[in-house]
Every structure is written in C-alpha cells, then in structure tokens.
N, C-alpha and C. Protein backbone atom coordinates (compact mmCIF):
# COMPACT_ATOMS: atom_id res chain seq x y z
N MET A 1 18.32 -12.58 43.67
CA MET A 1 18.03 -13.62 42.70
C MET A 1 17.39 -12.99 41.47
N THR A 2 17.86 -13.39 40.31
CA THR A 2 17.33 -12.89 39.05
C THR A 2 16.47 -13.97 38.41
N THR A 3 15.29 -13.56 37.94
CA THR A 3 14.40 -14.50 37.26
C THR A 3 14.07 -13.96 35.88
N THR A 4 13.90 -14.87 34.95
CA THR A 4 13.54 -14.52 33.59
C THR A 4 12.25 -15.24 33.25
N THR A 5 11.27 -14.48 32.77
CA THR A 5 10.00 -15.05 32.34
C THR A 5 9.68 -14.57 30.94
N ALA A 6 8.80 -15.27 30.28
CA ALA A 6 8.36 -14.88 28.94
C ALA A 6 7.07 -14.08 29.06
N ALA A 7 7.00 -12.98 28.34
CA ALA A 7 5.79 -12.16 28.33
C ALA A 7 5.31 -12.02 26.90
N THR A 8 4.04 -12.27 26.68
CA THR A 8 3.46 -12.12 25.35
C THR A 8 2.98 -10.68 25.21
N VAL A 9 3.38 -10.06 24.11
CA VAL A 9 3.05 -8.66 23.87
C VAL A 9 2.17 -8.58 22.62
N TYR A 10 1.01 -7.98 22.76
CA TYR A 10 0.10 -7.76 21.64
C TYR A 10 0.19 -6.30 21.25
N ILE A 11 0.59 -6.04 20.01
CA ILE A 11 0.83 -4.67 19.57
C ILE A 11 -0.26 -4.23 18.60
N ALA A 12 -0.96 -3.16 18.97
CA ALA A 12 -1.96 -2.56 18.09
C ALA A 12 -1.21 -1.78 17.01
N ARG A 13 -1.55 -2.07 15.76
CA ARG A 13 -0.86 -1.43 14.64
C ARG A 13 -1.76 -0.37 14.01
N PRO A 14 -1.26 0.86 13.93
CA PRO A 14 -2.03 1.88 13.23
C PRO A 14 -1.93 1.64 11.72
N ILE A 15 -2.66 2.41 10.95
CA ILE A 15 -2.49 2.36 9.50
C ILE A 15 -1.05 2.78 9.19
N ALA A 16 -0.38 2.05 8.33
CA ALA A 16 1.03 2.30 8.00
C ALA A 16 1.23 3.69 7.40
N PRO A 17 2.36 4.33 7.70
CA PRO A 17 2.62 5.68 7.17
C PRO A 17 2.53 5.78 5.65
N GLU A 18 2.99 4.74 4.93
CA GLU A 18 2.92 4.78 3.46
C GLU A 18 1.47 4.80 2.99
N ALA A 19 0.63 3.99 3.63
CA ALA A 19 -0.80 3.97 3.28
C ALA A 19 -1.45 5.29 3.65
N LEU A 20 -1.07 5.85 4.80
CA LEU A 20 -1.64 7.14 5.22
C LEU A 20 -1.33 8.23 4.20
N ALA A 21 -0.10 8.24 3.69
CA ALA A 21 0.27 9.26 2.69
C ALA A 21 -0.64 9.15 1.47
N GLU A 22 -0.93 7.94 1.04
CA GLU A 22 -1.82 7.74 -0.10
C GLU A 22 -3.26 8.13 0.25
N LEU A 23 -3.72 7.70 1.42
CA LEU A 23 -5.10 7.98 1.83
C LEU A 23 -5.36 9.47 2.02
N ARG A 24 -4.34 10.22 2.37
CA ARG A 24 -4.53 11.67 2.57
C ARG A 24 -4.69 12.41 1.25
N ALA A 25 -4.40 11.74 0.15
CA ALA A 25 -4.60 12.34 -1.18
C ALA A 25 -5.89 11.80 -1.81
N THR A 26 -5.95 10.47 -1.93
CA THR A 26 -7.11 9.80 -2.51
C THR A 26 -7.37 8.56 -1.69
N ASP A 27 -8.60 8.37 -1.24
CA ASP A 27 -8.88 7.22 -0.37
C ASP A 27 -9.07 5.94 -1.19
N ASP A 28 -9.28 4.84 -0.51
CA ASP A 28 -9.38 3.54 -1.17
C ASP A 28 -10.65 3.36 -2.00
N ALA A 29 -11.56 4.31 -1.93
CA ALA A 29 -12.74 4.30 -2.80
C ALA A 29 -12.50 5.20 -4.02
N GLY A 30 -11.30 5.78 -4.11
CA GLY A 30 -10.96 6.63 -5.24
C GLY A 30 -11.42 8.08 -5.11
N ARG A 31 -11.85 8.46 -3.93
CA ARG A 31 -12.33 9.82 -3.73
C ARG A 31 -11.22 10.72 -3.20
N PRO A 32 -11.20 11.99 -3.66
CA PRO A 32 -10.26 12.94 -3.06
C PRO A 32 -10.65 13.21 -1.61
N VAL A 33 -9.67 13.48 -0.79
CA VAL A 33 -9.90 13.68 0.63
C VAL A 33 -10.27 15.14 0.91
N THR A 34 -11.21 15.33 1.81
CA THR A 34 -11.65 16.65 2.21
C THR A 34 -11.41 16.82 3.71
N PRO A 35 -10.27 17.39 4.08
CA PRO A 35 -9.99 17.60 5.50
C PRO A 35 -10.96 18.61 6.11
N PHE A 36 -11.14 18.50 7.42
CA PHE A 36 -11.99 19.45 8.14
C PHE A 36 -11.47 19.60 9.56
N THR A 37 -11.90 20.67 10.19
CA THR A 37 -11.54 20.90 11.59
C THR A 37 -12.56 20.21 12.46
N ASP A 38 -12.08 19.36 13.34
CA ASP A 38 -12.96 18.64 14.26
C ASP A 38 -13.28 19.57 15.43
N GLU A 39 -14.47 20.11 15.40
CA GLU A 39 -14.87 21.08 16.42
C GLU A 39 -15.09 20.44 17.80
N GLU A 40 -15.59 19.21 17.82
CA GLU A 40 -15.95 18.56 19.08
C GLU A 40 -14.86 17.66 19.65
N GLY A 41 -14.07 17.05 18.79
CA GLY A 41 -13.08 16.08 19.24
C GLY A 41 -13.74 14.73 19.48
N GLY A 42 -12.93 13.72 19.74
CA GLY A 42 -13.45 12.40 20.06
C GLY A 42 -13.45 11.39 18.92
N ALA A 43 -13.05 11.80 17.71
CA ALA A 43 -13.02 10.85 16.59
C ALA A 43 -11.86 9.87 16.79
N PRO A 44 -12.10 8.57 16.57
CA PRO A 44 -11.03 7.57 16.74
C PRO A 44 -10.05 7.61 15.57
N LEU A 45 -8.88 8.16 15.79
CA LEU A 45 -7.88 8.34 14.74
C LEU A 45 -7.07 7.06 14.54
N ARG A 46 -7.08 6.52 13.31
CA ARG A 46 -6.38 5.26 13.04
C ARG A 46 -4.91 5.46 12.71
N CYS A 47 -4.47 6.71 12.62
CA CYS A 47 -3.06 7.00 12.35
C CYS A 47 -2.23 6.98 13.63
N CYS A 48 -2.82 7.39 14.73
CA CYS A 48 -2.07 7.47 15.99
C CYS A 48 -2.79 6.75 17.14
N LEU A 49 -3.91 6.10 16.82
CA LEU A 49 -4.65 5.27 17.77
C LEU A 49 -5.01 6.00 19.06
N ARG A 50 -5.55 7.19 18.87
CA ARG A 50 -6.09 7.97 19.98
C ARG A 50 -7.29 8.75 19.47
N ARG A 51 -8.02 9.36 20.38
CA ARG A 51 -9.16 10.20 20.02
C ARG A 51 -8.67 11.59 19.62
N SER A 52 -9.36 12.18 18.66
CA SER A 52 -9.01 13.54 18.23
C SER A 52 -9.34 14.54 19.33
N MET A 53 -8.64 15.65 19.28
CA MET A 53 -8.87 16.75 20.21
C MET A 53 -9.64 17.85 19.47
N PRO A 54 -10.47 18.61 20.16
CA PRO A 54 -11.17 19.72 19.50
C PRO A 54 -10.18 20.64 18.80
N GLY A 55 -10.51 21.00 17.57
CA GLY A 55 -9.67 21.91 16.79
C GLY A 55 -8.68 21.23 15.88
N GLU A 56 -8.49 19.91 15.99
CA GLU A 56 -7.54 19.23 15.11
C GLU A 56 -8.12 19.09 13.70
N ARG A 57 -7.22 19.15 12.72
CA ARG A 57 -7.62 18.91 11.32
C ARG A 57 -7.57 17.41 11.06
N ILE A 58 -8.69 16.84 10.69
CA ILE A 58 -8.78 15.41 10.42
C ILE A 58 -9.49 15.19 9.09
N ALA A 59 -9.55 13.95 8.67
CA ALA A 59 -10.27 13.57 7.46
C ALA A 59 -10.93 12.22 7.69
N LEU A 60 -12.08 12.03 7.06
CA LEU A 60 -12.76 10.75 7.06
C LEU A 60 -12.54 10.14 5.68
N VAL A 61 -11.86 8.99 5.64
CA VAL A 61 -11.49 8.36 4.38
C VAL A 61 -11.97 6.92 4.35
N SER A 62 -12.12 6.38 3.15
CA SER A 62 -12.41 4.95 2.98
C SER A 62 -11.10 4.19 2.98
N TYR A 63 -11.05 3.11 3.76
CA TYR A 63 -9.83 2.32 3.91
C TYR A 63 -10.17 0.86 3.69
N ALA A 64 -9.33 0.17 2.91
CA ALA A 64 -9.53 -1.25 2.61
C ALA A 64 -8.32 -2.03 3.13
N PRO A 65 -8.33 -2.39 4.43
CA PRO A 65 -7.13 -3.02 5.00
C PRO A 65 -6.78 -4.36 4.36
N LEU A 66 -7.75 -5.18 4.05
CA LEU A 66 -7.43 -6.50 3.46
C LEU A 66 -6.93 -6.35 2.03
N ARG A 67 -7.45 -5.42 1.28
CA ARG A 67 -6.98 -5.19 -0.09
C ARG A 67 -5.53 -4.74 -0.06
N ARG A 68 -5.21 -3.85 0.84
CA ARG A 68 -3.82 -3.37 0.95
C ARG A 68 -2.89 -4.50 1.39
N ARG A 69 -3.33 -5.32 2.33
CA ARG A 69 -2.52 -6.46 2.78
C ARG A 69 -2.33 -7.45 1.62
N ALA A 70 -3.39 -7.70 0.87
CA ALA A 70 -3.30 -8.62 -0.26
C ALA A 70 -2.31 -8.13 -1.31
N ALA A 71 -2.33 -6.84 -1.58
CA ALA A 71 -1.39 -6.27 -2.56
C ALA A 71 0.05 -6.44 -2.08
N ALA A 72 0.28 -6.31 -0.79
CA ALA A 72 1.63 -6.43 -0.24
C ALA A 72 2.11 -7.88 -0.15
N THR A 73 1.17 -8.82 0.01
CA THR A 73 1.57 -10.22 0.24
C THR A 73 1.30 -11.13 -0.96
N GLY A 74 0.64 -10.60 -1.99
CA GLY A 74 0.33 -11.42 -3.15
C GLY A 74 -0.81 -12.40 -2.93
N THR A 75 -1.67 -12.11 -1.97
CA THR A 75 -2.82 -12.98 -1.70
C THR A 75 -4.09 -12.34 -2.26
N ASP A 76 -5.18 -13.04 -2.16
CA ASP A 76 -6.46 -12.54 -2.65
C ASP A 76 -7.51 -12.75 -1.56
N PRO A 77 -8.01 -11.66 -0.96
CA PRO A 77 -9.01 -11.83 0.09
C PRO A 77 -10.39 -12.21 -0.44
N GLY A 78 -10.54 -12.23 -1.75
CA GLY A 78 -11.83 -12.62 -2.34
C GLY A 78 -12.95 -11.74 -1.85
N ALA A 79 -14.04 -12.37 -1.48
CA ALA A 79 -15.23 -11.63 -1.04
C ALA A 79 -15.01 -10.89 0.28
N TYR A 80 -13.94 -11.20 1.00
CA TYR A 80 -13.68 -10.53 2.27
C TYR A 80 -13.06 -9.15 2.08
N ASP A 81 -12.76 -8.79 0.84
CA ASP A 81 -12.24 -7.46 0.56
C ASP A 81 -13.34 -6.45 0.84
N GLU A 82 -13.10 -5.61 1.81
CA GLU A 82 -14.10 -4.61 2.17
C GLU A 82 -13.39 -3.30 2.46
N GLN A 83 -14.12 -2.23 2.33
CA GLN A 83 -13.58 -0.93 2.70
C GLN A 83 -14.60 -0.24 3.58
N GLY A 84 -14.08 0.61 4.44
CA GLY A 84 -14.98 1.31 5.34
C GLY A 84 -14.36 2.62 5.79
N PRO A 85 -15.15 3.42 6.48
CA PRO A 85 -14.69 4.74 6.89
C PRO A 85 -13.77 4.69 8.11
N VAL A 86 -12.70 5.49 8.04
CA VAL A 86 -11.80 5.66 9.17
C VAL A 86 -11.40 7.13 9.26
N PHE A 87 -11.19 7.60 10.48
CA PHE A 87 -10.68 8.95 10.69
C PHE A 87 -9.17 8.90 10.78
N VAL A 88 -8.51 9.89 10.16
CA VAL A 88 -7.06 10.06 10.25
C VAL A 88 -6.76 11.55 10.38
N HIS A 89 -5.59 11.87 10.89
CA HIS A 89 -5.16 13.27 10.85
C HIS A 89 -5.04 13.69 9.39
N ALA A 90 -5.39 14.93 9.10
CA ALA A 90 -5.30 15.44 7.73
C ALA A 90 -3.85 15.58 7.29
N ASP A 91 -2.96 15.75 8.23
CA ASP A 91 -1.53 15.90 7.95
C ASP A 91 -0.78 14.84 8.74
N PRO A 92 0.47 14.54 8.34
CA PRO A 92 1.23 13.52 9.07
C PRO A 92 1.32 13.84 10.56
N CYS A 93 1.29 12.77 11.35
CA CYS A 93 1.39 12.89 12.80
C CYS A 93 2.48 11.92 13.27
N PRO A 94 2.90 12.04 14.53
CA PRO A 94 3.98 11.17 15.01
C PRO A 94 3.59 9.70 15.21
N GLY A 95 2.32 9.37 15.06
CA GLY A 95 1.90 7.98 15.27
C GLY A 95 1.54 7.76 16.72
N PRO A 96 1.30 6.51 17.08
CA PRO A 96 0.85 6.21 18.45
C PRO A 96 1.94 6.36 19.49
N ASP A 97 1.50 6.65 20.69
CA ASP A 97 2.37 6.64 21.86
C ASP A 97 2.44 5.19 22.33
N ARG A 98 3.55 4.56 22.17
CA ARG A 98 3.69 3.14 22.50
C ARG A 98 4.08 2.97 23.97
N ASP A 99 3.13 3.25 24.84
CA ASP A 99 3.42 3.18 26.27
C ASP A 99 3.17 1.79 26.86
N GLY A 100 2.63 0.88 26.05
CA GLY A 100 2.40 -0.47 26.53
C GLY A 100 1.20 -0.60 27.46
N GLY A 101 0.36 0.43 27.50
CA GLY A 101 -0.80 0.41 28.37
C GLY A 101 -1.97 -0.34 27.75
N ALA A 102 -3.15 0.11 28.08
CA ALA A 102 -4.37 -0.53 27.61
C ALA A 102 -4.47 -0.46 26.09
N PRO A 103 -5.16 -1.41 25.48
CA PRO A 103 -5.37 -1.35 24.03
C PRO A 103 -6.12 -0.07 23.66
N PRO A 104 -5.85 0.49 22.48
CA PRO A 104 -6.56 1.70 22.07
C PRO A 104 -8.05 1.44 21.89
N PHE A 105 -8.84 2.46 22.14
CA PHE A 105 -10.29 2.42 21.92
C PHE A 105 -10.96 1.26 22.64
N ALA A 106 -10.46 0.92 23.81
CA ALA A 106 -10.97 -0.22 24.57
C ALA A 106 -12.04 0.21 25.58
N ASN A 107 -12.76 1.25 25.24
CA ASN A 107 -13.73 1.80 26.19
C ASN A 107 -15.16 1.37 25.88
N ALA A 108 -15.32 0.39 25.01
CA ALA A 108 -16.65 -0.07 24.63
C ALA A 108 -16.55 -1.51 24.12
N HIS A 109 -17.70 -2.11 23.86
CA HIS A 109 -17.70 -3.45 23.28
C HIS A 109 -16.98 -3.41 21.94
N ARG A 110 -16.19 -4.42 21.68
CA ARG A 110 -15.44 -4.53 20.43
C ARG A 110 -15.52 -5.96 19.92
N THR A 111 -15.28 -6.11 18.64
CA THR A 111 -15.18 -7.42 18.03
C THR A 111 -13.73 -7.65 17.65
N VAL A 112 -13.21 -8.83 17.99
CA VAL A 112 -11.88 -9.24 17.55
C VAL A 112 -12.11 -10.27 16.46
N ARG A 113 -11.89 -9.84 15.22
CA ARG A 113 -12.12 -10.71 14.06
C ARG A 113 -10.81 -11.35 13.62
N ARG A 114 -10.83 -12.67 13.49
CA ARG A 114 -9.63 -13.45 13.18
C ARG A 114 -9.49 -13.67 11.68
N TYR A 115 -8.24 -13.62 11.21
CA TYR A 115 -7.97 -13.81 9.78
C TYR A 115 -6.80 -14.76 9.57
N SER A 116 -6.86 -15.50 8.46
CA SER A 116 -5.74 -16.34 8.04
C SER A 116 -4.73 -15.46 7.30
N ALA A 117 -3.60 -16.03 6.94
CA ALA A 117 -2.56 -15.28 6.24
C ALA A 117 -3.04 -14.75 4.90
N ASP A 118 -3.99 -15.44 4.27
CA ASP A 118 -4.49 -14.96 2.98
C ASP A 118 -5.72 -14.05 3.10
N GLY A 119 -6.04 -13.63 4.33
CA GLY A 119 -7.10 -12.65 4.51
C GLY A 119 -8.50 -13.22 4.61
N ARG A 120 -8.64 -14.49 4.89
CA ARG A 120 -9.95 -15.12 5.06
C ARG A 120 -10.37 -15.05 6.53
N ILE A 121 -11.63 -14.76 6.76
CA ILE A 121 -12.13 -14.69 8.13
C ILE A 121 -12.20 -16.10 8.71
N LEU A 122 -11.64 -16.27 9.90
CA LEU A 122 -11.64 -17.57 10.59
C LEU A 122 -12.55 -17.56 11.82
N GLY A 123 -13.16 -16.46 12.10
CA GLY A 123 -14.03 -16.38 13.27
C GLY A 123 -13.86 -15.05 13.95
N GLY A 124 -14.47 -14.95 15.10
CA GLY A 124 -14.38 -13.70 15.83
C GLY A 124 -14.87 -13.87 17.24
N ARG A 125 -14.73 -12.82 18.01
CA ARG A 125 -15.16 -12.86 19.40
C ARG A 125 -15.58 -11.47 19.82
N LEU A 126 -16.68 -11.41 20.51
CA LEU A 126 -17.13 -10.16 21.09
C LEU A 126 -16.39 -9.94 22.41
N VAL A 127 -15.81 -8.77 22.57
CA VAL A 127 -15.20 -8.40 23.84
C VAL A 127 -16.17 -7.44 24.50
N GLY A 128 -16.94 -7.97 25.42
CA GLY A 128 -17.97 -7.19 26.08
C GLY A 128 -17.51 -6.49 27.33
N ASP A 129 -16.34 -6.89 27.83
CA ASP A 129 -15.76 -6.31 29.03
C ASP A 129 -14.58 -5.45 28.59
N PRO A 130 -14.74 -4.13 28.54
CA PRO A 130 -13.67 -3.29 27.98
C PRO A 130 -12.50 -3.07 28.94
N THR A 131 -11.84 -4.16 29.31
CA THR A 131 -10.66 -4.08 30.17
C THR A 131 -9.46 -4.64 29.41
N PRO A 132 -8.25 -4.21 29.76
CA PRO A 132 -7.06 -4.77 29.10
C PRO A 132 -6.98 -6.29 29.24
N GLU A 133 -7.41 -6.82 30.38
CA GLU A 133 -7.37 -8.27 30.59
C GLU A 133 -8.30 -9.01 29.62
N ALA A 134 -9.48 -8.45 29.38
CA ALA A 134 -10.43 -9.08 28.46
C ALA A 134 -9.89 -9.07 27.03
N PHE A 135 -9.24 -7.98 26.64
CA PHE A 135 -8.65 -7.93 25.30
C PHE A 135 -7.50 -8.93 25.21
N ALA A 136 -6.67 -9.01 26.23
CA ALA A 136 -5.57 -9.97 26.22
C ALA A 136 -6.09 -11.40 26.09
N ARG A 137 -7.19 -11.72 26.80
CA ARG A 137 -7.79 -13.06 26.68
C ARG A 137 -8.28 -13.31 25.25
N ALA A 138 -8.94 -12.31 24.65
CA ALA A 138 -9.46 -12.46 23.29
C ALA A 138 -8.32 -12.65 22.29
N PHE A 139 -7.23 -11.88 22.46
CA PHE A 139 -6.08 -12.04 21.57
C PHE A 139 -5.42 -13.40 21.77
N ARG A 140 -5.23 -13.80 23.01
CA ARG A 140 -4.61 -15.09 23.30
C ARG A 140 -5.44 -16.23 22.70
N GLU A 141 -6.76 -16.16 22.89
CA GLU A 141 -7.66 -17.17 22.33
C GLU A 141 -7.55 -17.21 20.81
N ALA A 142 -7.49 -16.06 20.17
CA ALA A 142 -7.38 -16.01 18.71
C ALA A 142 -6.07 -16.65 18.25
N PHE A 143 -4.96 -16.26 18.87
CA PHE A 143 -3.65 -16.72 18.42
C PHE A 143 -3.30 -18.12 18.92
N ASP A 144 -4.13 -18.69 19.77
CA ASP A 144 -3.96 -20.11 20.11
C ASP A 144 -4.23 -20.99 18.89
N ASP A 145 -4.98 -20.47 17.93
CA ASP A 145 -5.23 -21.18 16.67
C ASP A 145 -4.07 -20.87 15.73
N PRO A 146 -3.27 -21.86 15.35
CA PRO A 146 -2.11 -21.59 14.50
C PRO A 146 -2.46 -21.05 13.12
N ALA A 147 -3.70 -21.19 12.68
CA ALA A 147 -4.10 -20.67 11.38
C ALA A 147 -4.34 -19.16 11.41
N VAL A 148 -4.50 -18.60 12.60
CA VAL A 148 -4.75 -17.16 12.71
C VAL A 148 -3.43 -16.41 12.59
N GLU A 149 -3.37 -15.54 11.60
CA GLU A 149 -2.16 -14.73 11.35
C GLU A 149 -2.28 -13.34 11.96
N PHE A 150 -3.50 -12.78 11.94
CA PHE A 150 -3.72 -11.45 12.48
C PHE A 150 -5.18 -11.31 12.83
N VAL A 151 -5.48 -10.28 13.62
CA VAL A 151 -6.86 -9.97 13.97
C VAL A 151 -7.12 -8.49 13.70
N HIS A 152 -8.37 -8.18 13.43
CA HIS A 152 -8.81 -6.79 13.37
C HIS A 152 -9.69 -6.54 14.58
N VAL A 153 -9.46 -5.43 15.22
CA VAL A 153 -10.35 -4.98 16.28
C VAL A 153 -11.30 -3.99 15.63
N ARG A 154 -12.60 -4.25 15.82
CA ARG A 154 -13.63 -3.44 15.16
C ARG A 154 -14.67 -2.96 16.16
N ALA A 155 -15.25 -1.83 15.83
CA ALA A 155 -16.34 -1.29 16.63
C ALA A 155 -17.58 -2.15 16.42
N VAL A 156 -18.29 -2.44 17.48
CA VAL A 156 -19.50 -3.26 17.37
C VAL A 156 -20.63 -2.48 16.72
N GLU A 157 -20.82 -1.25 17.15
CA GLU A 157 -22.00 -0.50 16.71
C GLU A 157 -22.02 -0.22 15.21
N TYR A 158 -20.85 0.01 14.59
CA TYR A 158 -20.81 0.29 13.16
C TYR A 158 -19.99 -0.72 12.37
N GLY A 159 -19.23 -1.56 13.05
CA GLY A 159 -18.39 -2.54 12.37
C GLY A 159 -17.10 -1.96 11.82
N CYS A 160 -16.80 -0.71 12.16
CA CYS A 160 -15.64 -0.03 11.60
C CYS A 160 -14.33 -0.64 12.09
N TYR A 161 -13.38 -0.69 11.18
CA TYR A 161 -12.01 -1.13 11.49
C TYR A 161 -11.39 -0.12 12.44
N LEU A 162 -10.77 -0.62 13.51
CA LEU A 162 -10.05 0.25 14.44
C LEU A 162 -8.54 0.07 14.32
N TYR A 163 -8.07 -1.19 14.36
CA TYR A 163 -6.64 -1.46 14.20
C TYR A 163 -6.43 -2.95 14.04
N GLU A 164 -5.20 -3.29 13.67
CA GLU A 164 -4.79 -4.69 13.50
C GLU A 164 -3.82 -5.08 14.60
N VAL A 165 -3.90 -6.33 15.00
CA VAL A 165 -2.91 -6.93 15.90
C VAL A 165 -2.39 -8.17 15.18
N ALA A 166 -1.07 -8.23 14.98
CA ALA A 166 -0.46 -9.38 14.33
C ALA A 166 -0.14 -10.45 15.36
N ARG A 167 0.19 -11.63 14.87
CA ARG A 167 0.61 -12.71 15.77
C ARG A 167 1.67 -12.15 16.70
N PRO A 168 1.53 -12.38 18.00
CA PRO A 168 2.41 -11.71 18.97
C PRO A 168 3.82 -12.26 18.99
N VAL A 169 4.68 -11.44 19.56
CA VAL A 169 6.05 -11.86 19.83
C VAL A 169 6.15 -12.13 21.32
N THR A 170 7.01 -13.04 21.68
CA THR A 170 7.24 -13.32 23.09
C THR A 170 8.58 -12.70 23.46
N ARG A 171 8.56 -11.92 24.52
CA ARG A 171 9.77 -11.25 24.98
C ARG A 171 10.21 -11.84 26.31
N GLN A 172 11.50 -11.92 26.48
CA GLN A 172 12.04 -12.37 27.76
C GLN A 172 12.13 -11.17 28.70
N VAL A 173 11.58 -11.30 29.87
CA VAL A 173 11.58 -10.23 30.87
C VAL A 173 12.41 -10.71 32.05
N THR A 174 13.43 -9.94 32.39
CA THR A 174 14.30 -10.28 33.51
C THR A 174 14.01 -9.37 34.69
N ALA A 175 13.80 -9.95 35.84
CA ALA A 175 13.53 -9.17 37.06
C ALA A 175 14.54 -9.58 38.12
N GLY A 176 14.87 -8.65 38.94
CA GLY A 176 15.74 -9.01 40.04
C GLY A 176 16.81 -8.09 40.17
C-alpha cells in the first residue's frame, strides 16, 4: 500500500552568494574587509551555516539583512533596519550541506524573530530547548500567522543574525 502525506519543510537560508561577494569586498557599514586565519575554529559562518574549522580564512563583516531585503523588494524597513557582525569565509565556499538534518547553530538558546513582508517585526519567541523539534514548533507557530513572511534566527547572548527561514513549502511525501 502506498500512502502520500504532506511534510512541511523549513529551510535555513545562508547569506546569498551575490551579497557575500559584495560583503567580502566592503561590508554593509562601508568598511573594507580584513580576512584572518581562525586559529581556534568555532565561528558561526553565515555563508555555509556551519562552524569554522581551525586554520580556515574567515572575515567578520557588518551585515544588514533587512536593508538588503528592502532593496530587493522595494520596501522600507524603517527603524528596523539594523546591521550587525557576522562571520563568513574570506573566499567563496560551496554553501551549506543541505542534508535536511537539525537546524544550523541549534546548540543553544535562540530567538526566532518574526517579520512581515515589508520587514516589520511582528514578534518573536525564545527557543530555550535546542532540539530540532523545538525549532520546528517555533517555526510552525510563527508561520501560523499569515502576516509572517519570514523569520530570523538570532543568538540570544549577542542578538546576532544567524540565518533566515522563509515561509515554508509543503512537500508531498510518498511511502510504500
């Protein structure tokens, strides 16, 4: 017997390759980038959504995700336009490994901040249980509100942007 069910998939989006190319030259604060060798490893890389390895060349850049989204969509985030520090590889990388596993950087408390299509904050939720199920619940709760277009996952301790999750797609899964 074959059965078909619907599965909701939440996809963590790294910083787009076009934005990364720009950020590797001049960041969103207008500063030239200064790459360095990460001696210790462990920096959360927003280009490939994994932790850096010791010896990798990385850069710390200012990134303004809502400003970039507004420029692409013709919206104005108003006072919600913010920029903050993010780590990226100093040179292009292959991007994230899309294995469908746990959300990236889900090893600590995180905030799931909800946004409307025009980049206005609609609320947020603390994810205190760093499990894939807890993140799925937070994403489902966010997207149950039809006004929520996307969410940012942010670090609690510094408030840093980690990645974006857009309104999910539902896929048909056939088993049998």
